[in-house]
Amino acid sequence: MLRSRPFSNLTSVLALAILVGEGASARPAHAFAGGIGDLFVTSDASNLTRAYTGTTGAYLGNFCSAVLGTGPLGIHFGATNDRALVGAFGGGVDEYDATTGAYIKTYNPGGGAQWAGIYRPNGNVFIGSWNTQDVREYDGNTGAFIRVLFPVTDAADMEYGPNGHLYVCSYGGYQVLELDEVTGLPYNFINLPFGARANDVAFLPGGRILVTAMGPNVCYVYDSALNLIFQFAGTGWARPHGVVISPHSGNILIADGVTTQVHEFDPTTYLETNAAFLSPGPNDKIVDVAFRPDHPTPATPSTWGRVKALWR
């Protein structure tokens, strides 16, 4: 009898550890579709953000529906807070729990077109406002307005560069502004050809910068000195928007609103490798693309040594 109790305890701990270990590697349960490493695609036509398997582009389901924001545009995940921001043509920037898809709050509701919101390293949120023609900071906890960072004409999507600077696309100004995210002062301006409306920006190894642009409907490539060195386009492009680098393959993925597809390109040659990454395609105007990063607090993997330690 005395030996049966520790054996029973060990069995229970072992079973628990196996479940924890499986949970650490398996896709976690979600109220809505999508998980770590998956691709999320916004649609301003249907007010939906859909989820696709990050490696294959297979459709998983809907991650979230717009709440106060109308016409979802840019999507950005928090690197440390397990949240997501979805900008919109109107109604404000909606915030969601990245794990459950649950709605949290809306920044600057009723503030007009606000293409994108992005989390600062301190947890606050930068948002580009077309009503006020600038980038503004909001408190990440309360949603309260804090300050104006810098004037930007028709601020579109934005992204942090490898150097820690904030790069903001100016849709109406035909440029990308490189800003100090603390002082708001500009370091540089990437000037696109006249009439090229900057939509989104992404970064490749070697200092190369990608900028998608409507008008010419191309993706421009700039070197680390901000010289235009190349441009490319996808099959049937007429409204290229979001651009992201796949964490799985390193390839370039760009959403086009008219073909309603995400196009895939080689990051060295810029040749199109797949004109229809999403399977099946949404048959719906799409805008932005983003991969959900690793959860900030992953489950602790279990080992036999850990199991024995728990039992002792």
C-alpha atoms as a PDB file:
ATOM      1  CA  MET A   1       0.000   0.000   0.000  1.00  0.00           C
ATOM      2  CA  LEU A   2       2.821   2.365   0.813  1.00  0.00           C
ATOM      3  CA  ARG A   3       4.382   1.811  -2.613  1.00  0.00           C
ATOM      4  CA  SER A   4       1.174   2.264  -4.531  1.00  0.00           C
ATOM      5  CA  ARG A   5       0.731   5.910  -3.530  1.00  0.00           C
ATOM      6  CA  PRO A   6       4.038   7.238  -4.919  1.00  0.00           C
ATOM      7  CA  PHE A   7       3.469   5.182  -8.085  1.00  0.00           C
ATOM      8  CA  SER A   8       0.042   6.776  -8.439  1.00  0.00           C
ATOM      9  CA  ASN A   9       1.536  10.209  -7.904  1.00  0.00           C
ATOM     10  CA  LEU A  10       4.230   9.565 -10.475  1.00  0.00           C
ATOM     11  CA  THR A  11       1.639   8.396 -12.991  1.00  0.00           C
ATOM     12  CA  SER A  12      -0.381  11.567 -12.501  1.00  0.00           C
ATOM     13  CA  VAL A  13       2.671  13.813 -12.831  1.00  0.00           C
ATOM     14  CA  LEU A  14       3.851  11.916 -15.903  1.00  0.00           C
ATOM     15  CA  ALA A  15       0.473  12.277 -17.565  1.00  0.00           C
ATOM     16  CA  LEU A  16       0.433  15.981 -16.774  1.00  0.00           C
ATOM     17  CA  ALA A  17       3.941  16.467 -18.094  1.00  0.00           C
ATOM     18  CA  ILE A  18       3.096  14.680 -21.336  1.00  0.00           C
ATOM     19  CA  LEU A  19       0.122  16.975 -21.828  1.00  0.00           C
ATOM     20  CA  VAL A  20       2.257  20.051 -21.128  1.00  0.00           C
ATOM     21  CA  GLY A  21       4.937  18.818 -23.490  1.00  0.00           C
ATOM     22  CA  GLU A  22       2.414  18.234 -26.238  1.00  0.00           C
ATOM     23  CA  GLY A  23       0.930  21.668 -25.644  1.00  0.00           C
ATOM     24  CA  ALA A  24       4.325  23.279 -26.044  1.00  0.00           C
ATOM     25  CA  SER A  25       4.714  21.963 -29.579  1.00  0.00           C
ATOM     26  CA  ALA A  26       1.156  21.618 -30.799  1.00  0.00           C
ATOM     27  CA  ARG A  27      -1.027  24.449 -32.056  1.00  0.00           C
ATOM     28  CA  PRO A  28      -2.774  26.039 -29.042  1.00  0.00           C
ATOM     29  CA  ALA A  29      -6.553  26.178 -28.890  1.00  0.00           C
ATOM     30  CA  HIS A  30      -8.091  29.441 -30.087  1.00  0.00           C
ATOM     31  CA  ALA A  31     -11.534  30.887 -29.968  1.00  0.00           C
ATOM     32  CA  PHE A  32     -10.876  32.055 -33.519  1.00  0.00           C
ATOM     33  CA  ALA A  33      -8.530  30.698 -36.180  1.00  0.00           C
ATOM     34  CA  GLY A  34      -4.805  31.274 -36.370  1.00  0.00           C
ATOM     35  CA  GLY A  35      -1.804  30.786 -34.135  1.00  0.00           C
ATOM     36  CA  ILE A  36       1.890  31.425 -33.733  1.00  0.00           C
ATOM     37  CA  GLY A  37       3.686  31.525 -37.086  1.00  0.00           C
ATOM     38  CA  ASP A  38       0.474  31.751 -39.103  1.00  0.00           C
ATOM     39  CA  LEU A  39      -0.303  34.454 -41.669  1.00  0.00           C
ATOM     40  CA  PHE A  40      -3.072  36.968 -41.035  1.00  0.00           C
ATOM     41  CA  VAL A  41      -4.698  38.884 -43.902  1.00  0.00           C
ATOM     42  CA  THR A  42      -7.031  41.880 -43.565  1.00  0.00           C
ATOM     43  CA  SER A  43      -9.907  42.774 -45.886  1.00  0.00           C
ATOM     44  CA  ASP A  44     -11.447  46.241 -46.006  1.00  0.00           C
ATOM     45  CA  ALA A  45     -14.296  44.935 -48.173  1.00  0.00           C
ATOM     46  CA  SER A  46     -15.639  42.288 -45.785  1.00  0.00           C
ATOM     47  CA  ASN A  47     -14.445  43.768 -42.446  1.00  0.00           C
ATOM     48  CA  LEU A  48     -12.632  40.506 -41.701  1.00  0.00           C
ATOM     49  CA  THR A  49      -9.142  39.392 -40.795  1.00  0.00           C
ATOM     50  CA  ARG A  50      -8.514  35.838 -41.980  1.00  0.00           C
ATOM     51  CA  ALA A  51      -5.872  33.343 -40.855  1.00  0.00           C
ATOM     52  CA  TYR A  52      -3.785  31.052 -43.065  1.00  0.00           C
ATOM     53  CA  THR A  53      -1.132  28.468 -42.273  1.00  0.00           C
ATOM     54  CA  GLY A  54       2.154  30.350 -42.358  1.00  0.00           C
ATOM     55  CA  THR A  55       4.101  27.701 -44.235  1.00  0.00           C
ATOM     56  CA  THR A  56       1.596  26.666 -46.906  1.00  0.00           C
ATOM     57  CA  GLY A  57      -1.038  29.407 -47.111  1.00  0.00           C
ATOM     58  CA  ALA A  58      -3.862  26.960 -46.348  1.00  0.00           C
ATOM     59  CA  TYR A  59      -7.001  28.689 -45.094  1.00  0.00           C
ATOM     60  CA  LEU A  60      -7.684  28.246 -41.371  1.00  0.00           C
ATOM     61  CA  GLY A  61     -10.676  30.509 -40.747  1.00  0.00           C
ATOM     62  CA  ASN A  62     -11.506  33.999 -39.512  1.00  0.00           C
ATOM     63  CA  PHE A  63      -9.345  35.512 -36.804  1.00  0.00           C
ATOM     64  CA  CYS A  64     -11.562  38.513 -36.045  1.00  0.00           C
ATOM     65  CA  SER A  65     -14.271  40.816 -37.346  1.00  0.00           C
ATOM     66  CA  ALA A  66     -14.060  44.590 -37.192  1.00  0.00           C
ATOM     67  CA  VAL A  67     -15.715  46.084 -34.107  1.00  0.00           C
ATOM     68  CA  LEU A  68     -15.582  49.892 -34.257  1.00  0.00           C
ATOM     69  CA  GLY A  69     -13.102  50.065 -37.127  1.00  0.00           C
ATOM     70  CA  THR A  70     -14.712  50.024 -40.574  1.00  0.00           C
ATOM     71  CA  GLY A  71     -12.679  48.727 -43.499  1.00  0.00           C
ATOM     72  CA  PRO A  72      -9.676  46.958 -41.887  1.00  0.00           C
ATOM     73  CA  LEU A  73      -6.282  47.977 -43.275  1.00  0.00           C
ATOM     74  CA  GLY A  74      -2.921  47.458 -41.546  1.00  0.00           C
ATOM     75  CA  ILE A  75      -2.394  44.693 -38.980  1.00  0.00           C
ATOM     76  CA  HIS A  76       0.453  44.517 -36.466  1.00  0.00           C
ATOM     77  CA  PHE A  77       1.122  42.109 -33.611  1.00  0.00           C
ATOM     78  CA  GLY A  78       2.772  43.068 -30.355  1.00  0.00           C
ATOM     79  CA  ALA A  79       6.148  41.434 -29.874  1.00  0.00           C
ATOM     80  CA  THR A  80       5.736  41.153 -26.103  1.00  0.00           C
ATOM     81  CA  ASN A  81       2.084  41.663 -25.163  1.00  0.00           C
ATOM     82  CA  ASP A  82       0.283  39.009 -27.250  1.00  0.00           C
ATOM     83  CA  ARG A  83      -2.057  41.567 -28.798  1.00  0.00           C
ATOM     84  CA  ALA A  84      -2.878  42.710 -32.316  1.00  0.00           C
ATOM     85  CA  LEU A  85      -3.820  46.082 -33.800  1.00  0.00           C
ATOM     86  CA  VAL A  86      -5.986  46.484 -36.910  1.00  0.00           C
ATOM     87  CA  GLY A  87      -6.232  49.931 -38.523  1.00  0.00           C
ATOM     88  CA  ALA A  88      -9.214  51.012 -40.602  1.00  0.00           C
ATOM     89  CA  PHE A  89     -10.667  53.568 -42.997  1.00  0.00           C
ATOM     90  CA  GLY A  90     -12.926  54.757 -40.191  1.00  0.00           C
ATOM     91  CA  GLY A  91     -14.019  54.104 -36.617  1.00  0.00           C
ATOM     92  CA  GLY A  92     -10.600  53.790 -34.998  1.00  0.00           C
ATOM     93  CA  VAL A  93      -7.880  51.171 -34.537  1.00  0.00           C
ATOM     94  CA  ASP A  94      -9.262  47.980 -32.977  1.00  0.00           C
ATOM     95  CA  GLU A  95      -7.144  45.934 -30.575  1.00  0.00           C
ATOM     96  CA  TYR A  96      -7.519  42.167 -30.086  1.00  0.00           C
ATOM     97  CA  ASP A  97      -6.107  39.383 -27.952  1.00  0.00           C
ATOM     98  CA  ALA A  98      -3.798  37.535 -30.337  1.00  0.00           C
ATOM     99  CA  THR A  99      -4.449  34.148 -28.731  1.00  0.00           C
ATOM    100  CA  THR A 100      -8.242  34.228 -28.511  1.00  0.00           C
ATOM    101  CA  GLY A 101      -9.190  36.876 -31.066  1.00  0.00           C
ATOM    102  CA  ALA A 102     -11.211  38.614 -28.344  1.00  0.00           C
ATOM    103  CA  TYR A 103     -11.801  42.341 -28.771  1.00  0.00           C
ATOM    104  CA  ILE A 104     -10.009  44.530 -26.179  1.00  0.00           C
ATOM    105  CA  LYS A 105     -10.539  48.198 -27.085  1.00  0.00           C
ATOM    106  CA  THR A 106     -10.421  50.787 -29.865  1.00  0.00           C
ATOM    107  CA  TYR A 107      -7.881  53.596 -30.112  1.00  0.00           C
ATOM    108  CA  ASN A 108      -9.168  57.018 -31.203  1.00  0.00           C
ATOM    109  CA  PRO A 109     -12.680  55.830 -32.138  1.00  0.00           C
ATOM    110  CA  GLY A 110     -14.332  58.051 -34.710  1.00  0.00           C
ATOM    111  CA  GLY A 111     -10.972  59.569 -35.649  1.00  0.00           C
ATOM    112  CA  GLY A 112     -11.298  59.054 -39.400  1.00  0.00           C
ATOM    113  CA  ALA A 113      -8.938  57.029 -41.558  1.00  0.00           C
ATOM    114  CA  GLN A 114      -6.145  55.510 -39.466  1.00  0.00           C
ATOM    115  CA  TRP A 115      -4.322  53.051 -41.690  1.00  0.00           C
ATOM    116  CA  ALA A 116      -2.246  51.320 -39.060  1.00  0.00           C
ATOM    117  CA  GLY A 117      -1.295  51.140 -35.419  1.00  0.00           C
ATOM    118  CA  ILE A 118       1.986  49.715 -34.194  1.00  0.00           C
ATOM    119  CA  TYR A 119       3.231  48.979 -30.680  1.00  0.00           C
ATOM    120  CA  ARG A 120       6.162  50.913 -29.290  1.00  0.00           C
ATOM    121  CA  PRO A 121       8.777  48.971 -27.301  1.00  0.00           C
ATOM    122  CA  ASN A 122       7.328  50.585 -24.149  1.00  0.00           C
ATOM    123  CA  GLY A 123       3.861  49.162 -24.892  1.00  0.00           C
ATOM    124  CA  ASN A 124       2.262  52.360 -26.152  1.00  0.00           C
ATOM    125  CA  VAL A 125       0.791  52.628 -29.642  1.00  0.00           C
ATOM    126  CA  PHE A 126       1.673  54.812 -32.631  1.00  0.00           C
ATOM    127  CA  ILE A 127      -1.178  55.492 -35.057  1.00  0.00           C
ATOM    128  CA  GLY A 128      -1.163  57.351 -38.380  1.00  0.00           C
ATOM    129  CA  SER A 129      -4.127  59.723 -38.646  1.00  0.00           C
ATOM    130  CA  TRP A 130      -5.472  61.142 -41.896  1.00  0.00           C
ATOM    131  CA  ASN A 131      -7.771  63.558 -40.070  1.00  0.00           C
ATOM    132  CA  THR A 132      -4.845  65.282 -38.398  1.00  0.00           C
ATOM    133  CA  GLN A 133      -2.151  64.345 -40.973  1.00  0.00           C
ATOM    134  CA  ASP A 134       0.357  63.038 -38.452  1.00  0.00           C
ATOM    135  CA  VAL A 135       1.507  60.057 -36.392  1.00  0.00           C
ATOM    136  CA  ARG A 136       0.176  60.118 -32.801  1.00  0.00           C
ATOM    137  CA  GLU A 137       1.000  58.176 -29.663  1.00  0.00           C
ATOM    138  CA  TYR A 138      -1.604  56.606 -27.362  1.00  0.00           C
ATOM    139  CA  ASP A 139      -1.312  54.944 -23.970  1.00  0.00           C
ATOM    140  CA  GLY A 140      -1.296  51.169 -24.450  1.00  0.00           C
ATOM    141  CA  ASN A 141      -3.288  50.538 -21.276  1.00  0.00           C
ATOM    142  CA  THR A 142      -5.881  53.304 -21.205  1.00  0.00           C
ATOM    143  CA  GLY A 143      -5.968  54.268 -24.883  1.00  0.00           C
ATOM    144  CA  ALA A 144      -5.509  57.930 -23.910  1.00  0.00           C
ATOM    145  CA  PHE A 145      -3.849  60.352 -26.329  1.00  0.00           C
ATOM    146  CA  ILE A 146      -0.269  61.253 -25.369  1.00  0.00           C
ATOM    147  CA  ARG A 147       1.376  63.322 -28.104  1.00  0.00           C
ATOM    148  CA  VAL A 148       1.941  63.981 -31.801  1.00  0.00           C
ATOM    149  CA  LEU A 149       5.115  62.293 -33.017  1.00  0.00           C
ATOM    150  CA  PHE A 150       5.561  63.955 -36.443  1.00  0.00           C
ATOM    151  CA  PRO A 151       3.465  65.342 -39.337  1.00  0.00           C
ATOM    152  CA  VAL A 152       2.914  62.807 -42.136  1.00  0.00           C
ATOM    153  CA  THR A 153       0.795  63.293 -45.249  1.00  0.00           C
ATOM    154  CA  ASP A 154      -1.774  60.486 -45.446  1.00  0.00           C
ATOM    155  CA  ALA A 155       0.161  58.094 -43.211  1.00  0.00           C
ATOM    156  CA  ALA A 156      -0.226  54.533 -44.517  1.00  0.00           C
ATOM    157  CA  ASP A 157       1.445  51.480 -43.009  1.00  0.00           C
ATOM    158  CA  MET A 158       4.507  51.654 -40.784  1.00  0.00           C
ATOM    159  CA  GLU A 159       7.194  49.332 -39.495  1.00  0.00           C
ATOM    160  CA  TYR A 160      10.222  49.327 -37.237  1.00  0.00           C
ATOM    161  CA  GLY A 161      13.490  48.880 -39.099  1.00  0.00           C
ATOM    162  CA  PRO A 162      16.430  46.747 -37.956  1.00  0.00           C
ATOM    163  CA  ASN A 163      18.028  49.974 -36.684  1.00  0.00           C
ATOM    164  CA  GLY A 164      15.125  50.624 -34.310  1.00  0.00           C
ATOM    165  CA  HIS A 165      13.839  53.589 -36.304  1.00  0.00           C
ATOM    166  CA  LEU A 166      10.188  53.905 -37.253  1.00  0.00           C
ATOM    167  CA  TYR A 167       9.505  53.904 -41.013  1.00  0.00           C
ATOM    168  CA  VAL A 168       6.180  55.481 -41.959  1.00  0.00           C
ATOM    169  CA  CYS A 169       4.713  55.338 -45.469  1.00  0.00           C
ATOM    170  CA  SER A 170       3.230  58.584 -46.767  1.00  0.00           C
ATOM    171  CA  TYR A 171       0.528  57.601 -49.238  1.00  0.00           C
ATOM    172  CA  GLY A 172      -0.109  61.179 -50.385  1.00  0.00           C
ATOM    173  CA  GLY A 173       3.457  62.393 -50.027  1.00  0.00           C
ATOM    174  CA  TYR A 174       5.063  59.722 -52.258  1.00  0.00           C
ATOM    175  CA  GLN A 175       7.711  58.885 -49.666  1.00  0.00           C
ATOM    176  CA  VAL A 176       8.675  56.901 -46.585  1.00  0.00           C
ATOM    177  CA  LEU A 177       9.776  58.810 -43.497  1.00  0.00           C
ATOM    178  CA  GLU A 178      12.455  57.350 -41.205  1.00  0.00           C
ATOM    179  CA  LEU A 179      11.733  58.724 -37.733  1.00  0.00           C
ATOM    180  CA  ASP A 180      13.326  58.605 -34.301  1.00  0.00           C
ATOM    181  CA  GLU A 181      10.606  56.853 -32.305  1.00  0.00           C
ATOM    182  CA  VAL A 182      11.510  58.798 -29.142  1.00  0.00           C
ATOM    183  CA  THR A 183      11.980  62.369 -30.367  1.00  0.00           C
ATOM    184  CA  GLY A 184       9.906  62.096 -33.538  1.00  0.00           C
ATOM    185  CA  LEU A 185      12.656  63.818 -35.526  1.00  0.00           C
ATOM    186  CA  PRO A 186      13.325  62.495 -39.053  1.00  0.00           C
ATOM    187  CA  TYR A 187      16.577  60.774 -39.933  1.00  0.00           C
ATOM    188  CA  ASN A 188      15.880  60.350 -43.643  1.00  0.00           C
ATOM    189  CA  PHE A 189      13.229  60.395 -46.335  1.00  0.00           C
ATOM    190  CA  ILE A 190      12.882  57.694 -48.986  1.00  0.00           C
ATOM    191  CA  ASN A 191      11.463  59.550 -51.961  1.00  0.00           C
ATOM    192  CA  LEU A 192       9.431  57.445 -54.395  1.00  0.00           C
ATOM    193  CA  PRO A 193       8.921  58.424 -58.024  1.00  0.00           C
ATOM    194  CA  PHE A 194       6.236  61.106 -58.361  1.00  0.00           C
ATOM    195  CA  GLY A 195       2.751  59.613 -58.191  1.00  0.00           C
ATOM    196  CA  ALA A 196       3.903  56.405 -56.489  1.00  0.00           C
ATOM    197  CA  ARG A 197       1.695  56.100 -53.413  1.00  0.00           C
ATOM    198  CA  ALA A 198       3.623  54.316 -50.670  1.00  0.00           C
ATOM    199  CA  ASN A 199       1.580  51.610 -48.939  1.00  0.00           C
ATOM    200  CA  ASP A 200       3.877  49.430 -46.857  1.00  0.00           C
ATOM    201  CA  VAL A 201       7.528  48.839 -46.037  1.00  0.00           C
ATOM    202  CA  ALA A 202       9.623  45.778 -45.139  1.00  0.00           C
ATOM    203  CA  PHE A 203      13.291  44.963 -44.677  1.00  0.00           C
ATOM    204  CA  LEU A 204      15.595  42.402 -46.291  1.00  0.00           C
ATOM    205  CA  PRO A 205      19.123  41.293 -45.320  1.00  0.00           C
ATOM    206  CA  GLY A 206      21.949  43.596 -46.344  1.00  0.00           C
ATOM    207  CA  GLY A 207      20.010  46.761 -45.588  1.00  0.00           C
ATOM    208  CA  ARG A 208      17.607  46.471 -48.505  1.00  0.00           C
ATOM    209  CA  ILE A 209      14.232  48.151 -48.042  1.00  0.00           C
ATOM    210  CA  LEU A 210      11.026  47.155 -49.831  1.00  0.00           C
ATOM    211  CA  VAL A 211       8.249  49.687 -50.468  1.00  0.00           C
ATOM    212  CA  THR A 212       4.970  48.734 -52.139  1.00  0.00           C
ATOM    213  CA  ALA A 213       3.329  51.486 -54.148  1.00  0.00           C
ATOM    214  CA  MET A 214       0.035  52.022 -55.900  1.00  0.00           C
ATOM    215  CA  GLY A 215      -0.046  54.068 -59.070  1.00  0.00           C
ATOM    216  CA  PRO A 216       2.760  52.219 -60.819  1.00  0.00           C
ATOM    217  CA  ASN A 217       1.635  49.093 -58.884  1.00  0.00           C
ATOM    218  CA  VAL A 218       5.112  47.842 -58.111  1.00  0.00           C
ATOM    219  CA  CYS A 219       7.373  47.054 -55.211  1.00  0.00           C
ATOM    220  CA  TYR A 220      10.484  49.239 -55.082  1.00  0.00           C
ATOM    221  CA  VAL A 221      13.813  48.017 -53.703  1.00  0.00           C
ATOM    222  CA  TYR A 222      16.183  50.492 -52.051  1.00  0.00           C
ATOM    223  CA  ASP A 223      19.716  49.838 -50.833  1.00  0.00           C
ATOM    224  CA  SER A 224      21.061  50.806 -47.412  1.00  0.00           C
ATOM    225  CA  ALA A 225      22.003  54.243 -48.795  1.00  0.00           C
ATOM    226  CA  LEU A 226      18.344  54.701 -49.859  1.00  0.00           C
ATOM    227  CA  ASN A 227      19.127  54.471 -53.574  1.00  0.00           C
ATOM    228  CA  LEU A 228      16.448  52.904 -55.773  1.00  0.00           C
ATOM    229  CA  ILE A 229      18.081  49.762 -57.181  1.00  0.00           C
ATOM    230  CA  PHE A 230      15.195  47.658 -58.509  1.00  0.00           C
ATOM    231  CA  GLN A 231      11.453  47.300 -58.894  1.00  0.00           C
ATOM    232  CA  PHE A 232       9.216  44.297 -59.501  1.00  0.00           C
ATOM    233  CA  ALA A 233       5.552  43.389 -59.819  1.00  0.00           C
ATOM    234  CA  GLY A 234       3.313  40.369 -59.493  1.00  0.00           C
ATOM    235  CA  THR A 235       1.031  38.743 -62.021  1.00  0.00           C
ATOM    236  CA  GLY A 236      -2.083  40.861 -62.601  1.00  0.00           C
ATOM    237  CA  TRP A 237      -1.219  43.431 -59.948  1.00  0.00           C
ATOM    238  CA  ALA A 238      -3.424  46.493 -59.745  1.00  0.00           C
ATOM    239  CA  ARG A 239      -3.439  47.411 -56.049  1.00  0.00           C
ATOM    240  CA  PRO A 240      -0.409  46.105 -54.102  1.00  0.00           C
ATOM    241  CA  HIS A 241      -0.620  46.789 -50.386  1.00  0.00           C
ATOM    242  CA  GLY A 242       0.933  44.891 -47.487  1.00  0.00           C
ATOM    243  CA  VAL A 243       4.403  43.356 -47.676  1.00  0.00           C
ATOM    244  CA  VAL A 244       6.050  40.985 -45.197  1.00  0.00           C
ATOM    245  CA  ILE A 245       9.062  38.663 -45.094  1.00  0.00           C
ATOM    246  CA  SER A 246       8.142  35.066 -44.277  1.00  0.00           C
ATOM    247  CA  PRO A 247       9.829  33.847 -41.063  1.00  0.00           C
ATOM    248  CA  HIS A 248       9.589  30.318 -42.492  1.00  0.00           C
ATOM    249  CA  SER A 249      11.084  30.663 -45.988  1.00  0.00           C
ATOM    250  CA  GLY A 250      12.584  34.148 -46.054  1.00  0.00           C
ATOM    251  CA  ASN A 251      10.529  34.869 -49.173  1.00  0.00           C
ATOM    252  CA  ILE A 252       8.691  38.131 -49.840  1.00  0.00           C
ATOM    253  CA  LEU A 253       4.902  38.035 -49.536  1.00  0.00           C
ATOM    254  CA  ILE A 254       2.796  40.903 -50.922  1.00  0.00           C
ATOM    255  CA  ALA A 255      -0.982  41.300 -50.869  1.00  0.00           C
ATOM    256  CA  ASP A 256      -2.761  42.672 -53.934  1.00  0.00           C
ATOM    257  CA  GLY A 257      -6.319  43.933 -53.640  1.00  0.00           C
ATOM    258  CA  VAL A 258      -7.427  43.307 -57.213  1.00  0.00           C
ATOM    259  CA  THR A 259      -6.085  39.783 -57.728  1.00  0.00           C
ATOM    260  CA  THR A 260      -7.265  39.141 -54.118  1.00  0.00           C
ATOM    261  CA  GLN A 261      -4.148  37.076 -53.569  1.00  0.00           C
ATOM    262  CA  VAL A 262      -0.854  37.098 -51.720  1.00  0.00           C
ATOM    263  CA  HIS A 263       2.040  36.850 -54.184  1.00  0.00           C
ATOM    264  CA  GLU A 264       5.343  35.233 -53.227  1.00  0.00           C
ATOM    265  CA  PHE A 265       8.778  36.340 -54.475  1.00  0.00           C
ATOM    266  CA  ASP A 266      12.379  35.216 -54.169  1.00  0.00           C
ATOM    267  CA  PRO A 267      14.224  37.635 -51.818  1.00  0.00           C
ATOM    268  CA  THR A 268      17.361  37.675 -53.973  1.00  0.00           C
ATOM    269  CA  THR A 269      16.164  37.609 -57.579  1.00  0.00           C
ATOM    270  CA  TYR A 270      12.695  39.119 -56.879  1.00  0.00           C
ATOM    271  CA  LEU A 271      11.206  36.594 -59.285  1.00  0.00           C
ATOM    272  CA  GLU A 272       7.615  35.619 -58.562  1.00  0.00           C
ATOM    273  CA  THR A 273       7.527  32.058 -57.252  1.00  0.00           C
ATOM    274  CA  ASN A 274       3.807  31.832 -56.473  1.00  0.00           C
ATOM    275  CA  ALA A 275       1.026  34.100 -57.724  1.00  0.00           C
ATOM    276  CA  ALA A 276      -1.550  32.528 -55.394  1.00  0.00           C
ATOM    277  CA  PHE A 277      -0.067  31.766 -51.973  1.00  0.00           C
ATOM    278  CA  LEU A 278      -3.470  31.693 -50.262  1.00  0.00           C
ATOM    279  CA  SER A 279      -5.302  28.395 -50.744  1.00  0.00           C
ATOM    280  CA  PRO A 280      -8.103  28.779 -51.429  1.00  0.00           C
ATOM    281  CA  GLY A 281      -8.016  32.472 -52.197  1.00  0.00           C
ATOM    282  CA  PRO A 282     -10.521  34.671 -50.345  1.00  0.00           C
ATOM    283  CA  ASN A 283     -12.070  36.099 -53.534  1.00  0.00           C
ATOM    284  CA  ASP A 284     -12.232  39.318 -51.540  1.00  0.00           C
ATOM    285  CA  LYS A 285     -10.253  42.561 -51.637  1.00  0.00           C
ATOM    286  CA  ILE A 286      -7.321  42.178 -49.242  1.00  0.00           C
ATOM    287  CA  VAL A 287      -5.000  44.773 -47.774  1.00  0.00           C
ATOM    288  CA  ASP A 288      -2.336  43.790 -45.268  1.00  0.00           C
ATOM    289  CA  VAL A 289      -0.396  40.681 -44.239  1.00  0.00           C
ATOM    290  CA  ALA A 290       1.379  39.835 -40.985  1.00  0.00           C
ATOM    291  CA  PHE A 291       2.802  36.759 -39.257  1.00  0.00           C
ATOM    292  CA  ARG A 292       2.006  36.246 -35.603  1.00  0.00           C
ATOM    293  CA  PRO A 293       5.295  36.151 -33.671  1.00  0.00           C
ATOM    294  CA  ASP A 294       6.255  33.765 -30.888  1.00  0.00           C
ATOM    295  CA  HIS A 295       4.171  34.022 -27.737  1.00  0.00           C
ATOM    296  CA  PRO A 296       6.086  36.018 -25.108  1.00  0.00           C
ATOM    297  CA  THR A 297       5.621  33.295 -22.480  1.00  0.00           C
ATOM    298  CA  PRO A 298       5.867  29.887 -24.187  1.00  0.00           C
ATOM    299  CA  ALA A 299       5.041  26.762 -22.243  1.00  0.00           C
ATOM    300  CA  THR A 300       7.988  25.129 -20.502  1.00  0.00           C
ATOM    301  CA  PRO A 301       8.943  21.943 -22.347  1.00  0.00           C
ATOM    302  CA  SER A 302       8.941  18.804 -20.213  1.00  0.00           C
ATOM    303  CA  THR A 303      11.813  16.346 -19.913  1.00  0.00           C
ATOM    304  CA  TRP A 304      12.157  13.095 -17.963  1.00  0.00           C
ATOM    305  CA  GLY A 305      14.474  14.888 -15.545  1.00  0.00           C
ATOM    306  CA  ARG A 306      11.816  17.556 -14.969  1.00  0.00           C
ATOM    307  CA  VAL A 307       9.200  14.854 -14.385  1.00  0.00           C
ATOM    308  CA  LYS A 308      11.362  13.183 -11.719  1.00  0.00           C
ATOM    309  CA  ALA A 309      12.052  16.548 -10.099  1.00  0.00           C
ATOM    310  CA  LEU A 310       8.335  17.285  -9.904  1.00  0.00           C
ATOM    311  CA  TRP A 311       7.628  13.866  -8.371  1.00  0.00           C
ATOM    312  CA  ARG A 312      10.314  14.309  -5.714  1.00  0.00           C
END
